[in-house]
């Protein structure tokens, strides 16, 4: 029997067990869902309209803002509706589509964070070669690779996950549909196929992470050699905020996707998922501020 005929809908996990706390969750997410589009929209508008910001750095920040808008739009609205109307069901199709788009945005976001670290590295450590290493064509190719890799990875993971027999019920222990939670519903050893795909993605991601860490190590070494204290402040104000966002994003998403199924506490899973799916889009305008132009 196919998944569609055996499971027609899933039940999402509510944020709280009382109506009053559900309303608090609704108003909190409403504020975030309003702040994130406004802040990221300002970055997109400023980067698009200001000719002085048509540089590789702001091209990557523009892409990050678009990804953050997509990320929050796939998780927050349904959760808000569930809290407001005190409902839990979500249809099979309405669960599969957000999984694909969220994973697409999540993977592409990590690759763009890698490109941002490369941009910072070239700007500080190889400033005389910035124009040749980060020309328009090179930036377009790198961005296309990030978007394309995210799309293909999300497509493979989503198709493979929903091809598994789901016979462990339909209760998803998360406020939005997510692959680790869907895999818990599969009682078949076929889920090892998805684990194999994850291993490949983890290896590529780990390589990007090593590249990012190595880039910032070289950046900090170069910054410490700058005799000007003002130069120190400008460089650190440029590099530390995205590094902080990267640390939060990588640590929480890695915990959510790589932890063993036996380590599962609904409240912990909820908190961690908020940190990598809701917080980055909301704070992105603050972290990726236009102060980068000081560099």
C-alpha atoms as a PDB file:
ATOM      1  CA  UNK A   1       0.000   0.000   0.000  1.00  0.00           C
ATOM      2  CA  UNK A   2       1.392   3.399  -0.915  1.00  0.00           C
ATOM      3  CA  UNK A   3       2.100   6.132   1.572  1.00  0.00           C
ATOM      4  CA  UNK A   4      -0.632   8.328   0.109  1.00  0.00           C
ATOM      5  CA  UNK A   5      -3.322   5.677   0.598  1.00  0.00           C
ATOM      6  CA  UNK A   6      -2.180   4.674   4.100  1.00  0.00           C
ATOM      7  CA  UNK A   7      -1.532   8.179   5.468  1.00  0.00           C
ATOM      8  CA  UNK A   8      -3.643  11.072   4.230  1.00  0.00           C
ATOM      9  CA  UNK A   9      -2.524  13.625   6.794  1.00  0.00           C
ATOM     10  CA  UNK A  10      -0.069  14.245   9.630  1.00  0.00           C
ATOM     11  CA  UNK A  11      -0.559  15.764  13.071  1.00  0.00           C
ATOM     12  CA  UNK A  12       1.862  18.567  13.971  1.00  0.00           C
ATOM     13  CA  UNK A  13       3.070  19.138  17.510  1.00  0.00           C
ATOM     14  CA  UNK A  14       1.465  22.126  19.266  1.00  0.00           C
ATOM     15  CA  UNK A  15       3.725  24.614  20.997  1.00  0.00           C
ATOM     16  CA  UNK A  16       1.734  24.479  24.237  1.00  0.00           C
ATOM     17  CA  UNK A  17      -1.061  22.550  25.825  1.00  0.00           C
ATOM     18  CA  UNK A  18      -3.216  25.523  26.805  1.00  0.00           C
ATOM     19  CA  UNK A  19      -5.115  28.007  24.660  1.00  0.00           C
ATOM     20  CA  UNK A  20      -3.522  31.009  26.392  1.00  0.00           C
ATOM     21  CA  UNK A  21       0.029  29.812  25.661  1.00  0.00           C
ATOM     22  CA  UNK A  22      -0.993  29.008  22.113  1.00  0.00           C
ATOM     23  CA  UNK A  23      -2.072  32.624  21.694  1.00  0.00           C
ATOM     24  CA  UNK A  24       1.247  33.838  23.094  1.00  0.00           C
ATOM     25  CA  UNK A  25       2.993  31.664  20.520  1.00  0.00           C
ATOM     26  CA  UNK A  26       0.792  33.112  17.786  1.00  0.00           C
ATOM     27  CA  UNK A  27       1.602  36.720  18.707  1.00  0.00           C
ATOM     28  CA  UNK A  28       5.317  35.958  19.038  1.00  0.00           C
ATOM     29  CA  UNK A  29       5.475  34.344  15.612  1.00  0.00           C
ATOM     30  CA  UNK A  30       3.327  37.130  14.176  1.00  0.00           C
ATOM     31  CA  UNK A  31       5.917  39.688  15.305  1.00  0.00           C
ATOM     32  CA  UNK A  32       8.724  37.592  13.826  1.00  0.00           C
ATOM     33  CA  UNK A  33       6.831  37.015  10.576  1.00  0.00           C
ATOM     34  CA  UNK A  34       6.374  40.785  10.222  1.00  0.00           C
ATOM     35  CA  UNK A  35       9.909  41.767  11.245  1.00  0.00           C
ATOM     36  CA  UNK A  36      11.663  39.253   8.984  1.00  0.00           C
ATOM     37  CA  UNK A  37      10.046  40.354   5.685  1.00  0.00           C
ATOM     38  CA  UNK A  38      10.492  44.027   6.539  1.00  0.00           C
ATOM     39  CA  UNK A  39      14.163  43.700   7.481  1.00  0.00           C
ATOM     40  CA  UNK A  40      15.129  41.346   4.678  1.00  0.00           C
ATOM     41  CA  UNK A  41      12.999  43.346   2.242  1.00  0.00           C
ATOM     42  CA  UNK A  42      14.985  46.475   3.115  1.00  0.00           C
ATOM     43  CA  UNK A  43      18.233  44.639   2.360  1.00  0.00           C
ATOM     44  CA  UNK A  44      16.852  43.375  -0.948  1.00  0.00           C
ATOM     45  CA  UNK A  45      15.518  46.803  -1.925  1.00  0.00           C
ATOM     46  CA  UNK A  46      18.684  48.659  -0.902  1.00  0.00           C
ATOM     47  CA  UNK A  47      20.949  46.189  -2.656  1.00  0.00           C
ATOM     48  CA  UNK A  48      18.866  46.267  -5.825  1.00  0.00           C
ATOM     49  CA  UNK A  49      18.328  50.024  -6.065  1.00  0.00           C
ATOM     50  CA  UNK A  50      21.679  51.392  -4.859  1.00  0.00           C
ATOM     51  CA  UNK A  51      24.299  51.182  -7.599  1.00  0.00           C
ATOM     52  CA  UNK A  52      27.076  51.449  -5.002  1.00  0.00           C
ATOM     53  CA  UNK A  53      25.935  48.151  -3.493  1.00  0.00           C
ATOM     54  CA  UNK A  54      26.193  46.169  -6.724  1.00  0.00           C
ATOM     55  CA  UNK A  55      29.205  44.262  -5.425  1.00  0.00           C
ATOM     56  CA  UNK A  56      29.845  40.539  -4.792  1.00  0.00           C
ATOM     57  CA  UNK A  57      29.341  40.980  -1.048  1.00  0.00           C
ATOM     58  CA  UNK A  58      25.864  42.443  -1.404  1.00  0.00           C
ATOM     59  CA  UNK A  59      24.993  40.042  -4.184  1.00  0.00           C
ATOM     60  CA  UNK A  60      25.535  37.189  -1.700  1.00  0.00           C
ATOM     61  CA  UNK A  61      23.672  39.063   1.051  1.00  0.00           C
ATOM     62  CA  UNK A  62      20.768  39.590  -1.350  1.00  0.00           C
ATOM     63  CA  UNK A  63      20.636  35.837  -1.963  1.00  0.00           C
ATOM     64  CA  UNK A  64      20.771  35.132   1.779  1.00  0.00           C
ATOM     65  CA  UNK A  65      17.861  37.502   2.371  1.00  0.00           C
ATOM     66  CA  UNK A  66      15.799  35.754  -0.302  1.00  0.00           C
ATOM     67  CA  UNK A  67      16.598  32.385   1.270  1.00  0.00           C
ATOM     68  CA  UNK A  68      15.653  33.611   4.729  1.00  0.00           C
ATOM     69  CA  UNK A  69      12.325  34.901   3.457  1.00  0.00           C
ATOM     70  CA  UNK A  70      11.648  31.546   1.840  1.00  0.00           C
ATOM     71  CA  UNK A  71      12.736  29.660   4.952  1.00  0.00           C
ATOM     72  CA  UNK A  72      10.429  31.495   7.331  1.00  0.00           C
ATOM     73  CA  UNK A  73       7.507  31.399   4.909  1.00  0.00           C
ATOM     74  CA  UNK A  74       7.545  27.589   4.859  1.00  0.00           C
ATOM     75  CA  UNK A  75       7.461  27.104   8.646  1.00  0.00           C
ATOM     76  CA  UNK A  76       5.854  30.023  10.484  1.00  0.00           C
ATOM     77  CA  UNK A  77       2.462  30.641   8.729  1.00  0.00           C
ATOM     78  CA  UNK A  78       1.113  27.102   9.236  1.00  0.00           C
ATOM     79  CA  UNK A  79       2.287  27.070  12.844  1.00  0.00           C
ATOM     80  CA  UNK A  80       0.570  30.408  13.472  1.00  0.00           C
ATOM     81  CA  UNK A  81      -2.678  29.134  11.952  1.00  0.00           C
ATOM     82  CA  UNK A  82      -2.545  25.985  14.080  1.00  0.00           C
ATOM     83  CA  UNK A  83      -2.019  28.015  17.240  1.00  0.00           C
ATOM     84  CA  UNK A  84      -4.787  30.484  16.419  1.00  0.00           C
ATOM     85  CA  UNK A  85      -7.382  27.872  15.478  1.00  0.00           C
ATOM     86  CA  UNK A  86      -6.080  25.188  17.867  1.00  0.00           C
ATOM     87  CA  UNK A  87      -5.659  22.619  15.088  1.00  0.00           C
ATOM     88  CA  UNK A  88      -2.961  20.055  14.289  1.00  0.00           C
ATOM     89  CA  UNK A  89      -3.701  18.240  10.989  1.00  0.00           C
ATOM     90  CA  UNK A  90      -1.742  18.907   7.809  1.00  0.00           C
ATOM     91  CA  UNK A  91      -2.360  17.041   4.563  1.00  0.00           C
ATOM     92  CA  UNK A  92       0.182  14.670   3.022  1.00  0.00           C
ATOM     93  CA  UNK A  93       0.902  17.027   0.121  1.00  0.00           C
ATOM     94  CA  UNK A  94       0.976  20.104   2.362  1.00  0.00           C
ATOM     95  CA  UNK A  95       3.625  18.335   4.434  1.00  0.00           C
ATOM     96  CA  UNK A  96       5.794  17.133   1.535  1.00  0.00           C
ATOM     97  CA  UNK A  97       5.954  20.523  -0.225  1.00  0.00           C
ATOM     98  CA  UNK A  98       7.265  22.510   2.808  1.00  0.00           C
ATOM     99  CA  UNK A  99       9.839  19.798   3.478  1.00  0.00           C
ATOM    100  CA  UNK A 100      11.221  20.197  -0.037  1.00  0.00           C
ATOM    101  CA  UNK A 101      11.281  23.995   0.042  1.00  0.00           C
ATOM    102  CA  UNK A 102      12.615  24.251   3.586  1.00  0.00           C
ATOM    103  CA  UNK A 103      15.436  21.811   2.856  1.00  0.00           C
ATOM    104  CA  UNK A 104      16.163  23.633  -0.404  1.00  0.00           C
ATOM    105  CA  UNK A 105      16.455  26.974   1.392  1.00  0.00           C
ATOM    106  CA  UNK A 106      18.395  25.470   4.299  1.00  0.00           C
ATOM    107  CA  UNK A 107      21.073  23.785   2.168  1.00  0.00           C
ATOM    108  CA  UNK A 108      21.430  26.744  -0.190  1.00  0.00           C
ATOM    109  CA  UNK A 109      21.746  29.066   2.814  1.00  0.00           C
ATOM    110  CA  UNK A 110      24.724  27.128   4.128  1.00  0.00           C
ATOM    111  CA  UNK A 111      26.467  27.295   0.765  1.00  0.00           C
ATOM    112  CA  UNK A 112      25.872  31.030   0.572  1.00  0.00           C
ATOM    113  CA  UNK A 113      27.321  31.436   4.061  1.00  0.00           C
ATOM    114  CA  UNK A 114      30.372  29.654   2.653  1.00  0.00           C
ATOM    115  CA  UNK A 115      30.496  32.164  -0.216  1.00  0.00           C
ATOM    116  CA  UNK A 116      30.205  35.060   2.257  1.00  0.00           C
ATOM    117  CA  UNK A 117      33.200  33.725   4.197  1.00  0.00           C
ATOM    118  CA  UNK A 118      35.145  33.431   0.934  1.00  0.00           C
ATOM    119  CA  UNK A 119      34.223  37.012   0.071  1.00  0.00           C
ATOM    120  CA  UNK A 120      35.494  38.213   3.459  1.00  0.00           C
ATOM    121  CA  UNK A 121      38.684  36.180   3.065  1.00  0.00           C
ATOM    122  CA  UNK A 122      39.483  37.627  -0.344  1.00  0.00           C
ATOM    123  CA  UNK A 123      38.580  41.176   0.737  1.00  0.00           C
ATOM    124  CA  UNK A 124      40.910  41.110   3.758  1.00  0.00           C
ATOM    125  CA  UNK A 125      43.658  38.655   2.825  1.00  0.00           C
ATOM    126  CA  UNK A 126      43.846  39.217  -0.949  1.00  0.00           C
ATOM    127  CA  UNK A 127      42.416  42.694  -1.556  1.00  0.00           C
ATOM    128  CA  UNK A 128      44.481  43.298  -4.708  1.00  0.00           C
ATOM    129  CA  UNK A 129      42.971  40.188  -6.319  1.00  0.00           C
ATOM    130  CA  UNK A 130      39.369  40.877  -5.247  1.00  0.00           C
ATOM    131  CA  UNK A 131      38.223  41.998  -8.687  1.00  0.00           C
ATOM    132  CA  UNK A 132      39.701  39.000 -10.487  1.00  0.00           C
ATOM    133  CA  UNK A 133      38.667  36.330  -7.971  1.00  0.00           C
ATOM    134  CA  UNK A 134      35.153  37.672  -7.448  1.00  0.00           C
ATOM    135  CA  UNK A 135      34.188  39.040 -10.832  1.00  0.00           C
ATOM    136  CA  UNK A 136      30.590  39.170 -12.029  1.00  0.00           C
ATOM    137  CA  UNK A 137      30.780  35.917 -13.962  1.00  0.00           C
ATOM    138  CA  UNK A 138      32.467  34.057 -11.096  1.00  0.00           C
ATOM    139  CA  UNK A 139      29.820  35.283  -8.624  1.00  0.00           C
ATOM    140  CA  UNK A 140      26.970  34.208 -10.900  1.00  0.00           C
ATOM    141  CA  UNK A 141      28.509  30.765 -11.357  1.00  0.00           C
ATOM    142  CA  UNK A 142      29.055  30.294  -7.607  1.00  0.00           C
ATOM    143  CA  UNK A 143      25.520  31.462  -6.811  1.00  0.00           C
ATOM    144  CA  UNK A 144      24.043  29.179  -9.473  1.00  0.00           C
ATOM    145  CA  UNK A 145      25.987  26.252  -8.020  1.00  0.00           C
ATOM    146  CA  UNK A 146      24.643  27.022  -4.532  1.00  0.00           C
ATOM    147  CA  UNK A 147      21.032  27.303  -5.718  1.00  0.00           C
ATOM    148  CA  UNK A 148      21.345  24.217  -7.946  1.00  0.00           C
ATOM    149  CA  UNK A 149      22.954  22.057  -5.270  1.00  0.00           C
ATOM    150  CA  UNK A 150      20.273  23.049  -2.782  1.00  0.00           C
ATOM    151  CA  UNK A 151      17.511  22.216  -5.261  1.00  0.00           C
ATOM    152  CA  UNK A 152      18.891  18.801  -6.227  1.00  0.00           C
ATOM    153  CA  UNK A 153      19.676  17.828  -2.630  1.00  0.00           C
ATOM    154  CA  UNK A 154      16.200  18.826  -1.441  1.00  0.00           C
ATOM    155  CA  UNK A 155      14.572  16.944  -4.324  1.00  0.00           C
ATOM    156  CA  UNK A 156      16.518  13.748  -3.601  1.00  0.00           C
ATOM    157  CA  UNK A 157      15.885  13.849   0.155  1.00  0.00           C
ATOM    158  CA  UNK A 158      12.182  14.629  -0.176  1.00  0.00           C
ATOM    159  CA  UNK A 159      11.517  12.006  -2.842  1.00  0.00           C
ATOM    160  CA  UNK A 160      13.464   9.367  -0.929  1.00  0.00           C
ATOM    161  CA  UNK A 161      11.804  10.168   2.404  1.00  0.00           C
ATOM    162  CA  UNK A 162       8.258   9.968   1.077  1.00  0.00           C
ATOM    163  CA  UNK A 163       9.002   6.770  -0.832  1.00  0.00           C
ATOM    164  CA  UNK A 164       9.492   4.986   2.502  1.00  0.00           C
ATOM    165  CA  UNK A 165       6.642   3.007   4.075  1.00  0.00           C
ATOM    166  CA  UNK A 166       5.291   5.127   6.937  1.00  0.00           C
ATOM    167  CA  UNK A 167       3.655   2.790   9.413  1.00  0.00           C
ATOM    168  CA  UNK A 168       4.546   4.358  12.759  1.00  0.00           C
ATOM    169  CA  UNK A 169       1.490   6.577  13.010  1.00  0.00           C
ATOM    170  CA  UNK A 170       1.007  10.096  11.721  1.00  0.00           C
ATOM    171  CA  UNK A 171       2.009  12.259  14.702  1.00  0.00           C
ATOM    172  CA  UNK A 172       4.967  14.525  13.819  1.00  0.00           C
ATOM    173  CA  UNK A 173       6.838  15.683  16.916  1.00  0.00           C
ATOM    174  CA  UNK A 174       7.592  19.113  15.474  1.00  0.00           C
ATOM    175  CA  UNK A 175       5.686  22.327  14.732  1.00  0.00           C
ATOM    176  CA  UNK A 176       6.422  21.901  11.016  1.00  0.00           C
ATOM    177  CA  UNK A 177       7.098  18.921   8.761  1.00  0.00           C
ATOM    178  CA  UNK A 178      10.739  17.902   8.860  1.00  0.00           C
ATOM    179  CA  UNK A 179      12.626  14.892   7.519  1.00  0.00           C
ATOM    180  CA  UNK A 180      14.033  13.578  10.856  1.00  0.00           C
ATOM    181  CA  UNK A 181      10.527  13.534  12.305  1.00  0.00           C
ATOM    182  CA  UNK A 182       9.058  11.822   9.228  1.00  0.00           C
ATOM    183  CA  UNK A 183      11.787   9.154   9.347  1.00  0.00           C
ATOM    184  CA  UNK A 184      10.683   8.277  12.886  1.00  0.00           C
ATOM    185  CA  UNK A 185       7.368   7.173  11.414  1.00  0.00           C
ATOM    186  CA  UNK A 186       9.080   4.598   9.194  1.00  0.00           C
ATOM    187  CA  UNK A 187       9.500   1.188  10.767  1.00  0.00           C
ATOM    188  CA  UNK A 188      11.335  -0.144   7.721  1.00  0.00           C
ATOM    189  CA  UNK A 189      15.064  -0.591   7.272  1.00  0.00           C
ATOM    190  CA  UNK A 190      14.582   1.218   3.956  1.00  0.00           C
ATOM    191  CA  UNK A 191      15.223   4.452   5.836  1.00  0.00           C
ATOM    192  CA  UNK A 192      18.923   3.559   5.616  1.00  0.00           C
ATOM    193  CA  UNK A 193      18.793   4.855   2.037  1.00  0.00           C
ATOM    194  CA  UNK A 194      17.986   8.294   3.411  1.00  0.00           C
ATOM    195  CA  UNK A 195      20.761   7.907   5.973  1.00  0.00           C
ATOM    196  CA  UNK A 196      23.163   7.201   3.117  1.00  0.00           C
ATOM    197  CA  UNK A 197      22.093  10.382   1.343  1.00  0.00           C
ATOM    198  CA  UNK A 198      22.558  12.306   4.556  1.00  0.00           C
ATOM    199  CA  UNK A 199      26.083  10.940   4.930  1.00  0.00           C
ATOM    200  CA  UNK A 200      26.981  12.306   1.490  1.00  0.00           C
ATOM    201  CA  UNK A 201      25.494  15.713   2.316  1.00  0.00           C
ATOM    202  CA  UNK A 202      27.249  15.739   5.691  1.00  0.00           C
ATOM    203  CA  UNK A 203      30.614  15.049   4.042  1.00  0.00           C
ATOM    204  CA  UNK A 204      30.127  17.945   1.599  1.00  0.00           C
ATOM    205  CA  UNK A 205      28.848  20.172   4.393  1.00  0.00           C
ATOM    206  CA  UNK A 206      31.786  19.279   6.604  1.00  0.00           C
ATOM    207  CA  UNK A 207      34.157  20.229   3.782  1.00  0.00           C
ATOM    208  CA  UNK A 208      32.416  23.616   3.493  1.00  0.00           C
ATOM    209  CA  UNK A 209      32.580  24.049   7.257  1.00  0.00           C
ATOM    210  CA  UNK A 210      36.324  23.353   7.295  1.00  0.00           C
ATOM    211  CA  UNK A 211      36.744  25.867   4.470  1.00  0.00           C
ATOM    212  CA  UNK A 212      34.756  28.479   6.415  1.00  0.00           C
ATOM    213  CA  UNK A 213      36.724  27.943   9.627  1.00  0.00           C
ATOM    214  CA  UNK A 214      40.016  28.056   7.722  1.00  0.00           C
ATOM    215  CA  UNK A 215      38.957  31.275   5.983  1.00  0.00           C
ATOM    216  CA  UNK A 216      38.130  33.040   9.228  1.00  0.00           C
ATOM    217  CA  UNK A 217      41.327  31.798  10.891  1.00  0.00           C
ATOM    218  CA  UNK A 218      43.289  33.409   8.057  1.00  0.00           C
ATOM    219  CA  UNK A 219      41.143  36.538   8.334  1.00  0.00           C
ATOM    220  CA  UNK A 220      41.773  36.939  12.066  1.00  0.00           C
ATOM    221  CA  UNK A 221      45.486  36.361  11.588  1.00  0.00           C
ATOM    222  CA  UNK A 222      45.548  39.060   8.919  1.00  0.00           C
ATOM    223  CA  UNK A 223      43.478  41.441  11.049  1.00  0.00           C
ATOM    224  CA  UNK A 224      45.805  41.114  14.014  1.00  0.00           C
ATOM    225  CA  UNK A 225      48.652  42.268  11.764  1.00  0.00           C
ATOM    226  CA  UNK A 226      46.818  45.484  10.908  1.00  0.00           C
ATOM    227  CA  UNK A 227      48.523  48.334  12.832  1.00  0.00           C
ATOM    228  CA  UNK A 228      45.403  50.518  12.863  1.00  0.00           C
ATOM    229  CA  UNK A 229      42.964  50.004  15.719  1.00  0.00           C
ATOM    230  CA  UNK A 230      40.197  51.389  13.509  1.00  0.00           C
ATOM    231  CA  UNK A 231      41.037  48.719  10.938  1.00  0.00           C
ATOM    232  CA  UNK A 232      40.654  46.081  13.645  1.00  0.00           C
ATOM    233  CA  UNK A 233      37.196  47.359  14.543  1.00  0.00           C
ATOM    234  CA  UNK A 234      35.999  47.507  10.935  1.00  0.00           C
ATOM    235  CA  UNK A 235      37.246  44.025  10.103  1.00  0.00           C
ATOM    236  CA  UNK A 236      35.873  42.434  13.259  1.00  0.00           C
ATOM    237  CA  UNK A 237      32.512  44.207  12.899  1.00  0.00           C
ATOM    238  CA  UNK A 238      32.317  42.753   9.396  1.00  0.00           C
ATOM    239  CA  UNK A 239      33.359  39.183  10.177  1.00  0.00           C
ATOM    240  CA  UNK A 240      32.108  38.427  13.683  1.00  0.00           C
ATOM    241  CA  UNK A 241      28.329  38.852  13.063  1.00  0.00           C
ATOM    242  CA  UNK A 242      28.136  36.383  10.142  1.00  0.00           C
ATOM    243  CA  UNK A 243      30.448  34.038  12.034  1.00  0.00           C
ATOM    244  CA  UNK A 244      28.052  34.135  14.994  1.00  0.00           C
ATOM    245  CA  UNK A 245      25.087  33.404  12.721  1.00  0.00           C
ATOM    246  CA  UNK A 246      27.016  30.573  11.082  1.00  0.00           C
ATOM    247  CA  UNK A 247      27.842  29.021  14.474  1.00  0.00           C
ATOM    248  CA  UNK A 248      24.202  29.167  15.576  1.00  0.00           C
ATOM    249  CA  UNK A 249      22.931  27.843  12.258  1.00  0.00           C
ATOM    250  CA  UNK A 250      25.403  24.961  11.944  1.00  0.00           C
ATOM    251  CA  UNK A 251      25.281  23.801  15.582  1.00  0.00           C
ATOM    252  CA  UNK A 252      21.483  23.729  15.854  1.00  0.00           C
ATOM    253  CA  UNK A 253      20.759  22.268  12.408  1.00  0.00           C
ATOM    254  CA  UNK A 254      23.475  19.617  12.862  1.00  0.00           C
ATOM    255  CA  UNK A 255      21.992  18.654  16.213  1.00  0.00           C
ATOM    256  CA  UNK A 256      18.496  18.379  14.715  1.00  0.00           C
ATOM    257  CA  UNK A 257      19.464  16.354  11.649  1.00  0.00           C
ATOM    258  CA  UNK A 258      22.342  14.222  12.954  1.00  0.00           C
ATOM    259  CA  UNK A 259      21.330  13.271  16.493  1.00  0.00           C
ATOM    260  CA  UNK A 260      20.249   9.651  17.058  1.00  0.00           C
ATOM    261  CA  UNK A 261      16.475   9.063  17.086  1.00  0.00           C
ATOM    262  CA  UNK A 262      16.766   7.790  20.664  1.00  0.00           C
ATOM    263  CA  UNK A 263      17.698  11.316  21.799  1.00  0.00           C
ATOM    264  CA  UNK A 264      14.345  12.955  21.316  1.00  0.00           C
ATOM    265  CA  UNK A 265      12.565  15.351  23.638  1.00  0.00           C
ATOM    266  CA  UNK A 266       9.689  17.353  22.088  1.00  0.00           C
ATOM    267  CA  UNK A 267      10.467  20.546  23.991  1.00  0.00           C
ATOM    268  CA  UNK A 268      14.168  20.334  23.100  1.00  0.00           C
ATOM    269  CA  UNK A 269      13.394  19.606  19.437  1.00  0.00           C
ATOM    270  CA  UNK A 270      11.018  22.576  19.324  1.00  0.00           C
ATOM    271  CA  UNK A 271      13.577  24.952  20.811  1.00  0.00           C
ATOM    272  CA  UNK A 272      16.386  23.797  18.535  1.00  0.00           C
ATOM    273  CA  UNK A 273      14.209  24.003  15.425  1.00  0.00           C
ATOM    274  CA  UNK A 274      13.232  27.587  16.262  1.00  0.00           C
ATOM    275  CA  UNK A 275      16.920  28.505  16.545  1.00  0.00           C
ATOM    276  CA  UNK A 276      17.803  27.385  13.012  1.00  0.00           C
ATOM    277  CA  UNK A 277      14.513  27.914  11.168  1.00  0.00           C
ATOM    278  CA  UNK A 278      13.041  31.084  12.703  1.00  0.00           C
ATOM    279  CA  UNK A 279      15.824  33.048  14.423  1.00  0.00           C
ATOM    280  CA  UNK A 280      18.252  33.439  11.436  1.00  0.00           C
ATOM    281  CA  UNK A 281      15.647  35.041   9.117  1.00  0.00           C
ATOM    282  CA  UNK A 282      14.616  37.408  11.902  1.00  0.00           C
ATOM    283  CA  UNK A 283      18.124  38.539  12.875  1.00  0.00           C
ATOM    284  CA  UNK A 284      19.626  38.463   9.380  1.00  0.00           C
ATOM    285  CA  UNK A 285      18.988  42.196   8.795  1.00  0.00           C
ATOM    286  CA  UNK A 286      20.952  42.973  11.962  1.00  0.00           C
ATOM    287  CA  UNK A 287      23.811  40.589  11.287  1.00  0.00           C
ATOM    288  CA  UNK A 288      24.156  41.220   7.558  1.00  0.00           C
ATOM    289  CA  UNK A 289      23.816  44.971   7.992  1.00  0.00           C
ATOM    290  CA  UNK A 290      25.052  47.547   5.532  1.00  0.00           C
ATOM    291  CA  UNK A 291      27.970  48.236   7.883  1.00  0.00           C
ATOM    292  CA  UNK A 292      29.851  45.701   5.729  1.00  0.00           C
ATOM    293  CA  UNK A 293      30.459  48.622   3.366  1.00  0.00           C
ATOM    294  CA  UNK A 294      33.037  49.934   5.876  1.00  0.00           C
ATOM    295  CA  UNK A 295      35.342  47.132   4.845  1.00  0.00           C
END
